[in-house]
Every structure is written in structure tokens, then in C-alpha cells.
Amino acid sequence: MAARLTEDDRAALTGAIRGEIRFDEPMARHTTLRLGGPVDAYVEPADIADAQALARLCSARGLSWRPLGAGSNLLVRDGGLRGVGVSTRALRGLRRDGDTDSVVVVVEAGVATGKLLSVATGWELGGVEFLGGVPGSVGGGIWMNAGTYLGEFKDVLTEVASVTPAGELRRRAHAECGFAYRHSDLPPDELIVEGTLRLRPRPRADIDAEVRSLRDRRREREPHGVANAGSIFKNPPGDFAGRLIEAAGLKGLTIGGCQVSPAHANWLVNTGDGRAAELLQLIARVHDEVLARFGVDLQLEVKVVGDD
């Protein structure tokens, strides 16, 4: 377990970082599951250079640092996080360049996925229609290769820039990122700060129609009004996690304030007063039941972090 920040550490962070810093910040405020204990320091670097300065400071002082994304695919344990949690919320740059056949779009990690889709649609650029209804930020989406049946980030990404724990800015071409279904080989201790996409001109009416169809489909199948992280488990090859969980008779199963959603079995939700420990118990129960009944070893799509 990493050590907690000292008063000297806190003073050093406050003096060196231009962005926002909150100490002992409840992570439940920063995850869509609304779960999680406090992080010693929650930091939003003002820009990429500030993120590099933060990395160098953490390295020099021996502080652990953890990229957080937008918290839409994150389950933080009740004991919270030691060290520094890094949010890219302030990294919102978005620009385009290119000719009439294909256009390069450079987007910073803190841009919301919905914002990227909206701006690309306004520019009449196709390729990110798969983001319709997908929550979170671009950085987290790149790291886990987020997507839908319309596509994934890997389909449009040409380069990813990240800040290493030593404070270096590292750029990787698509072939170096190891993209697979809901996965990349991008190091989890590097902070993704920017992605370069190649998009193609497409009439706005065609983009709108496809995105509307995707959003309608998601709206019909997914629960609303409860804290959630979307799909909890990855779909196994040739099947669907939700189908297996439902076939195991687990829809509606409840432990404490957490539940297998009656609307979609692969959505395990916080009904309002849940704890991370309860959701983890529910995840384990679902995993073990599906394994026992069908021999399928479901793999988590959410990232679990923090202390018990």
C-alpha cells in the first residue's frame, strides 16, 4: 500500500502545479458509479505542460500517481486512493487540419466523447459515430478502446500522446498501441493527453441518422436514473455477457445498495446508497454463477482501483 501524502508533499504540489488541486477528495464525486473513498490529492493539470510538471514532481518525491479519466469506467474501493489521482478534465483542446478527402483531428484527453462527436458532426466529418451515447472522456476511451457495434477508437486513431511517470511526452503510432476489443497496451501509469484521428467528410444528415439509431437502441436497452458504469463485463467471444447473466437468473439480484439491473443484466448499478464493497461482492457472485453454469470466465470491463 502506498504511503499517504505528507504536509510537505501537499505544499510542494500546491506550489508547483497551476491546475486545480483538492486534498482528501471523495472519489464518489468523480465516478459515474458514485462510489469510492477519498484520494489523497485530486489534481487537474491546467495543460499538458502542467501534467508533465506534475509527473516530474511525483517522481522526484516518490509519490504514486494514477490517471483517472472521467470516472465513467472506474470502480474505486471504499478505502480510496493513496497518492495523486490525475484528471485530464482541463485538457479540452480540439482542432482540425486536412484536405477534402480526409481530415486530421487532434483532440485532447479531457474532451467529452459526446463533445467530440458533436463537433465532428458540425464539421461534417464521419468516423466517430460509434460514440453516440458513449459516456466519458477521450483519454479513457482511447485507453480502453471504447466503442459500440458501429466501431471503436482504434478505427480512427493514428497517434496517441501520453505523459510518462518521468514527465516525458511520448507519442505512439497506432501500430504501437496494441488495440484489441476494449483493450490497449498503452501503459496504465502513463497519462494519455492527446489523440490524433483521421476522419472523412460525410453529410451531416447521414451522421445524424446513424447516431440517432444508435442512441435509440441504447436508450431502449439500458437502465436510466441510477448510478452506473455501463457494461461491467466484456462480451465473451461469440456471445454477450448480459445474455449469460440473465440466463443464470441473476437479473435483479441485490447486495446492499447495488443491483444487477432488471433492465440490462450486464449493468450492475448503485441504486443510491451502495458501497464499493457491495458492488465487488455482486460482481464476484455474478462471475462465479456464470462460470459454474456455462463455463464462461467473464472478464471485467471496468477498472477496479484503490484500497479495501
Protein backbone atom coordinates (compact mmCIF):
# COMPACT_ATOMS: atom_id res chain seq x y z
CA MET A 1 0.00 0.00 0.00
CA ALA A 2 1.38 3.42 -0.95
CA ALA A 3 2.08 5.92 1.82
CA ARG A 4 -0.19 8.89 2.37
CA LEU A 5 0.93 12.36 1.37
CA THR A 6 2.85 14.35 3.97
CA GLU A 7 2.26 18.02 4.63
CA ASP A 8 5.48 18.76 2.72
CA ASP A 9 4.12 16.80 -0.25
CA ARG A 10 0.92 18.82 -0.18
CA ALA A 11 2.81 22.09 -0.01
CA ALA A 12 5.04 21.03 -2.91
CA LEU A 13 2.01 20.19 -5.06
CA THR A 14 0.31 23.46 -4.23
CA GLY A 15 3.42 25.46 -5.11
CA ALA A 16 4.31 23.67 -8.35
CA ILE A 17 1.02 22.94 -10.12
CA ARG A 18 -1.04 25.61 -11.89
CA GLY A 19 -4.17 23.49 -12.17
CA GLU A 20 -6.78 22.68 -9.54
CA ILE A 21 -5.82 20.53 -6.53
CA ARG A 22 -8.22 19.09 -3.95
CA PHE A 23 -6.91 17.15 -0.98
CA ASP A 24 -8.78 14.18 0.58
CA GLU A 25 -11.30 14.41 -2.23
CA PRO A 26 -14.07 11.73 -2.24
CA MET A 27 -13.81 9.76 -5.47
CA ALA A 28 -17.55 9.16 -5.32
CA ARG A 29 -17.83 12.70 -6.71
CA HIS A 30 -15.78 11.74 -9.76
CA THR A 31 -17.09 8.33 -10.84
CA THR A 32 -20.37 7.62 -12.60
CA LEU A 33 -20.96 4.78 -10.12
CA ARG A 34 -20.90 7.40 -7.33
CA LEU A 35 -18.73 5.06 -5.28
CA GLY A 36 -15.27 5.25 -3.78
CA GLY A 37 -13.32 6.58 -0.82
CA PRO A 38 -11.08 9.67 -0.87
CA VAL A 39 -7.94 10.22 -2.92
CA ASP A 40 -5.09 11.94 -1.10
CA ALA A 41 -4.77 14.56 -3.85
CA TYR A 42 -7.09 15.04 -6.82
CA VAL A 43 -5.26 17.11 -9.44
CA GLU A 44 -6.50 18.63 -12.70
CA PRO A 45 -3.40 19.87 -14.58
CA ALA A 46 -4.04 23.13 -16.43
CA ASP A 47 -2.47 21.86 -19.67
CA ILE A 48 -0.06 19.24 -20.99
CA ALA A 49 2.99 21.09 -19.70
CA ASP A 50 1.41 21.22 -16.24
CA ALA A 51 0.79 17.46 -16.42
CA GLN A 52 4.47 16.95 -17.22
CA ALA A 53 5.45 19.11 -14.25
CA LEU A 54 3.16 17.07 -12.01
CA ALA A 55 4.70 13.81 -13.20
CA ARG A 56 8.21 15.07 -12.54
CA LEU A 57 7.24 16.28 -9.08
CA CYS A 58 5.63 12.94 -8.18
CA SER A 59 8.70 11.08 -9.46
CA ALA A 60 11.10 13.30 -7.50
CA ARG A 61 9.15 12.92 -4.27
CA GLY A 62 8.34 9.22 -4.68
CA LEU A 63 4.59 9.85 -4.87
CA SER A 64 2.33 7.40 -6.63
CA TRP A 65 0.27 8.92 -9.42
CA ARG A 66 -2.75 7.43 -11.13
CA PRO A 67 -4.54 8.59 -14.27
CA LEU A 68 -8.30 8.71 -13.60
CA GLY A 69 -10.01 9.64 -16.87
CA ALA A 70 -13.58 10.89 -16.42
CA GLY A 71 -14.50 8.12 -13.98
CA SER A 72 -17.10 6.53 -16.27
CA ASN A 73 -15.36 3.14 -16.27
CA LEU A 74 -13.80 3.26 -12.82
CA LEU A 75 -14.68 1.44 -9.59
CA VAL A 76 -12.80 2.86 -6.61
CA ARG A 77 -12.75 0.77 -3.45
CA ASP A 78 -14.11 2.23 -0.22
CA GLY A 79 -10.64 2.82 1.22
CA GLY A 80 -9.88 5.31 -1.53
CA LEU A 81 -6.59 6.03 -3.30
CA ARG A 82 -3.19 6.88 -1.88
CA GLY A 83 -1.01 9.41 -3.65
CA VAL A 84 -2.08 11.61 -6.54
CA GLY A 85 -5.07 10.99 -8.80
CA VAL A 86 -4.77 12.84 -12.10
CA SER A 87 -7.76 14.09 -14.06
CA THR A 88 -7.49 15.44 -17.61
CA ARG A 89 -10.71 17.44 -17.26
CA ALA A 90 -8.96 20.72 -18.14
CA LEU A 91 -7.35 19.34 -21.33
CA ARG A 92 -10.06 20.35 -23.81
CA GLY A 93 -8.22 21.29 -26.98
CA LEU A 94 -9.84 20.22 -30.27
CA ARG A 95 -8.66 21.25 -33.72
CA ARG A 96 -8.76 20.05 -37.32
CA ASP A 97 -6.47 20.09 -40.31
CA GLY A 98 -6.50 18.37 -43.68
CA ASP A 99 -7.85 18.25 -47.21
CA THR A 100 -11.19 17.29 -48.69
CA ASP A 101 -10.53 13.54 -48.77
CA SER A 102 -9.51 13.02 -45.16
CA VAL A 103 -9.13 15.36 -42.22
CA VAL A 104 -6.82 15.11 -39.22
CA VAL A 105 -8.49 15.97 -35.92
CA VAL A 106 -6.32 16.43 -32.83
CA VAL A 107 -8.27 16.09 -29.60
CA GLU A 108 -7.05 16.41 -26.02
CA ALA A 109 -7.89 13.75 -23.47
CA GLY A 110 -10.32 15.76 -21.36
CA VAL A 111 -12.76 16.38 -24.21
CA ALA A 112 -16.03 14.53 -23.56
CA THR A 113 -16.80 11.79 -26.08
CA GLY A 114 -20.14 13.45 -26.77
CA LYS A 115 -18.40 16.77 -27.44
CA LEU A 116 -16.04 15.15 -29.95
CA LEU A 117 -18.99 13.59 -31.76
CA SER A 118 -20.92 16.86 -31.75
CA VAL A 119 -18.03 18.91 -33.13
CA ALA A 120 -17.14 16.32 -35.77
CA THR A 121 -20.78 16.24 -36.86
CA GLY A 122 -20.82 20.04 -37.14
CA TRP A 123 -17.71 19.82 -39.32
CA GLU A 124 -19.46 17.09 -41.36
CA LEU A 125 -16.76 14.57 -40.58
CA GLY A 126 -17.64 10.90 -40.20
CA GLY A 127 -15.83 8.17 -38.30
CA VAL A 128 -16.79 8.74 -34.66
CA GLU A 129 -20.50 7.93 -34.99
CA PHE A 130 -19.82 4.98 -32.67
CA LEU A 131 -19.61 7.45 -29.77
CA GLY A 132 -23.35 8.10 -29.78
CA GLY A 133 -24.46 7.63 -26.18
CA VAL A 134 -20.98 6.55 -25.00
CA PRO A 135 -20.07 8.38 -21.76
CA GLY A 136 -16.68 9.51 -20.54
CA SER A 137 -13.72 11.38 -21.97
CA VAL A 138 -11.49 10.81 -24.97
CA GLY A 139 -8.46 9.81 -22.88
CA GLY A 140 -10.23 6.99 -21.08
CA GLY A 141 -11.95 5.99 -24.31
CA ILE A 142 -8.61 5.65 -26.07
CA TRP A 143 -7.03 3.70 -23.23
CA MET A 144 -9.81 1.07 -23.21
CA ASN A 145 -10.56 1.31 -26.95
CA ALA A 146 -14.18 2.24 -26.23
CA GLY A 147 -16.80 1.69 -28.88
CA THR A 148 -20.10 0.20 -29.98
CA TYR A 149 -21.25 -2.00 -32.84
CA LEU A 150 -20.55 0.94 -35.17
CA GLY A 151 -16.83 0.98 -34.43
CA GLU A 152 -14.08 1.67 -31.91
CA PHE A 153 -11.40 4.27 -31.28
CA LYS A 154 -8.83 2.04 -32.97
CA ASP A 155 -10.67 2.51 -36.26
CA VAL A 156 -9.85 6.22 -36.46
CA LEU A 157 -6.77 6.77 -34.27
CA THR A 158 -3.43 7.35 -35.94
CA GLU A 159 -1.37 8.52 -32.94
CA VAL A 160 -1.61 8.75 -29.15
CA ALA A 161 0.37 11.15 -26.95
CA SER A 162 0.91 10.45 -23.26
CA VAL A 163 2.91 11.77 -20.31
CA THR A 164 5.18 9.18 -18.71
CA PRO A 165 5.76 8.99 -14.94
CA ALA A 166 9.13 10.68 -15.61
CA GLY A 167 7.35 13.65 -17.21
CA GLU A 168 8.29 12.90 -20.80
CA LEU A 169 5.80 13.41 -23.63
CA ARG A 170 5.63 10.12 -25.53
CA ARG A 171 3.98 9.72 -28.92
CA ARG A 172 2.95 6.31 -30.26
CA ALA A 173 1.70 5.41 -33.70
CA HIS A 174 -1.42 3.26 -33.99
CA ALA A 175 0.60 0.07 -34.52
CA GLU A 176 2.42 0.58 -31.20
CA CYS A 177 -0.76 0.81 -29.10
CA GLY A 178 -1.84 -2.85 -29.13
CA PHE A 179 -5.53 -2.17 -29.60
CA ALA A 180 -7.98 -5.05 -29.16
CA TYR A 181 -11.58 -5.40 -28.00
CA ARG A 182 -11.97 -2.98 -25.06
CA HIS A 183 -8.22 -3.06 -24.57
CA SER A 184 -4.95 -1.38 -25.44
CA ASP A 185 -1.34 -2.00 -24.49
CA LEU A 186 -0.90 1.64 -23.51
CA PRO A 187 0.84 1.68 -20.10
CA PRO A 188 -1.65 2.27 -17.26
CA ASP A 189 0.83 4.52 -15.44
CA GLU A 190 1.05 6.94 -18.38
CA LEU A 191 -1.42 9.79 -18.67
CA ILE A 192 -2.99 9.93 -22.12
CA VAL A 193 -3.18 13.61 -23.07
CA GLU A 194 -3.98 13.68 -26.79
CA GLY A 195 -5.20 11.59 -29.69
CA THR A 196 -4.86 12.19 -33.42
CA LEU A 197 -7.78 10.94 -35.53
CA ARG A 198 -8.25 10.65 -39.26
CA LEU A 199 -11.85 11.32 -40.27
CA ARG A 200 -13.57 11.60 -43.65
CA PRO A 201 -16.14 14.05 -44.94
CA ARG A 202 -19.72 12.80 -44.60
CA PRO A 203 -23.05 14.63 -44.94
CA ARG A 204 -24.41 15.75 -41.59
CA ALA A 205 -27.82 14.21 -42.30
CA ASP A 206 -26.22 10.77 -42.72
CA ILE A 207 -24.22 11.15 -39.49
CA ASP A 208 -27.28 12.33 -37.56
CA ALA A 209 -29.40 9.43 -38.81
CA GLU A 210 -26.86 6.78 -37.81
CA VAL A 211 -26.18 8.33 -34.40
CA ARG A 212 -29.91 8.68 -33.72
CA SER A 213 -30.44 4.99 -34.48
CA LEU A 214 -27.59 4.02 -32.14
CA ARG A 215 -28.83 6.24 -29.32
CA ASP A 216 -32.42 4.99 -29.69
CA ARG A 217 -31.20 1.41 -29.47
CA ARG A 218 -29.13 2.14 -26.37
CA ARG A 219 -32.00 4.06 -24.76
CA GLU A 220 -34.38 1.13 -25.20
CA ARG A 221 -31.98 -1.42 -23.71
CA GLU A 222 -30.21 0.43 -20.93
CA PRO A 223 -31.32 1.47 -17.43
CA HIS A 224 -31.81 5.11 -16.53
CA GLY A 225 -31.88 7.12 -13.33
CA VAL A 226 -29.31 5.02 -11.43
CA ALA A 227 -25.56 5.44 -10.99
CA ASN A 228 -23.71 3.06 -13.26
CA ALA A 229 -20.54 2.42 -15.27
CA GLY A 230 -22.24 0.93 -18.30
CA SER A 231 -21.29 -2.66 -19.06
CA ILE A 232 -19.42 -4.28 -16.18
CA PHE A 233 -18.13 -7.33 -18.08
CA LYS A 234 -16.65 -7.63 -21.56
CA ASN A 235 -18.64 -9.69 -24.03
CA PRO A 236 -17.00 -13.12 -24.42
CA PRO A 237 -16.17 -14.25 -27.97
CA GLY A 238 -19.33 -15.12 -29.87
CA ASP A 239 -21.71 -14.28 -27.03
CA PHE A 240 -22.99 -11.50 -24.80
CA ALA A 241 -22.26 -11.11 -21.10
CA GLY A 242 -25.75 -9.77 -20.48
CA ARG A 243 -27.36 -12.84 -22.07
CA LEU A 244 -25.32 -15.20 -19.90
CA ILE A 245 -26.06 -13.27 -16.70
CA GLU A 246 -29.77 -13.18 -17.48
CA ALA A 247 -29.77 -16.90 -18.38
CA ALA A 248 -28.21 -17.57 -14.98
CA GLY A 249 -31.29 -15.99 -13.39
CA LEU A 250 -29.37 -13.08 -11.89
CA LYS A 251 -31.36 -10.09 -13.15
CA GLY A 252 -32.47 -8.04 -10.15
CA LEU A 253 -30.04 -9.73 -7.75
CA THR A 254 -29.24 -7.21 -5.00
CA ILE A 255 -26.48 -6.94 -2.42
CA GLY A 256 -26.86 -3.92 -0.16
CA GLY A 257 -27.35 -0.85 -2.30
CA CYS A 258 -26.08 -2.48 -5.50
CA GLN A 259 -28.08 -4.46 -8.02
CA VAL A 260 -27.93 -6.39 -11.29
CA SER A 261 -30.15 -4.08 -13.30
CA PRO A 262 -33.57 -5.51 -14.20
CA ALA A 263 -33.28 -3.57 -17.48
CA HIS A 264 -29.90 -4.93 -18.65
CA ALA A 265 -28.14 -7.78 -16.87
CA ASN A 266 -24.62 -6.57 -17.71
CA TRP A 267 -25.26 -3.27 -15.94
CA LEU A 268 -24.55 -3.59 -12.23
CA VAL A 269 -25.78 -0.37 -10.66
CA ASN A 270 -25.67 1.67 -7.48
CA THR A 271 -29.31 2.20 -6.52
CA GLY A 272 -28.46 5.15 -4.30
CA ASP A 273 -26.69 4.13 -1.10
CA GLY A 274 -24.37 1.39 -2.29
CA ARG A 275 -20.75 0.83 -1.29
CA ALA A 276 -17.90 -0.34 -3.46
CA ALA A 277 -17.50 -3.46 -1.31
CA GLU A 278 -21.10 -4.42 -2.06
CA LEU A 279 -20.65 -3.96 -5.79
CA LEU A 280 -17.48 -6.05 -5.70
CA GLN A 281 -19.39 -8.81 -3.89
CA LEU A 282 -22.09 -8.62 -6.56
CA ILE A 283 -19.50 -8.78 -9.34
CA ALA A 284 -17.91 -11.85 -7.76
CA ARG A 285 -21.29 -13.55 -7.35
CA VAL A 286 -22.25 -12.93 -10.98
CA HIS A 287 -18.85 -14.06 -12.25
CA ASP A 288 -18.92 -17.28 -10.23
CA GLU A 289 -22.52 -18.16 -11.16
CA VAL A 290 -21.87 -17.71 -14.90
CA LEU A 291 -18.65 -19.71 -14.65
CA ALA A 292 -20.38 -22.54 -12.77
CA ARG A 293 -23.38 -22.74 -15.10
CA PHE A 294 -21.83 -22.07 -18.50
CA GLY A 295 -18.07 -22.46 -18.07
CA VAL A 296 -17.52 -18.86 -19.24
CA ASP A 297 -14.92 -16.82 -17.35
CA LEU A 298 -16.29 -13.29 -17.68
CA GLN A 299 -13.66 -10.55 -17.71
CA LEU A 300 -14.20 -7.12 -16.18
CA GLU A 301 -14.61 -4.12 -18.45
CA VAL A 302 -14.43 -1.67 -15.53
CA LYS A 303 -11.14 -0.86 -13.84
CA VAL A 304 -11.02 -1.58 -10.09
CA VAL A 305 -8.56 0.52 -8.08
CA GLY A 306 -7.87 1.62 -4.51
CA ASP A 307 -7.65 0.20 -1.01
CA ASP A 308 -10.16 -2.07 0.69
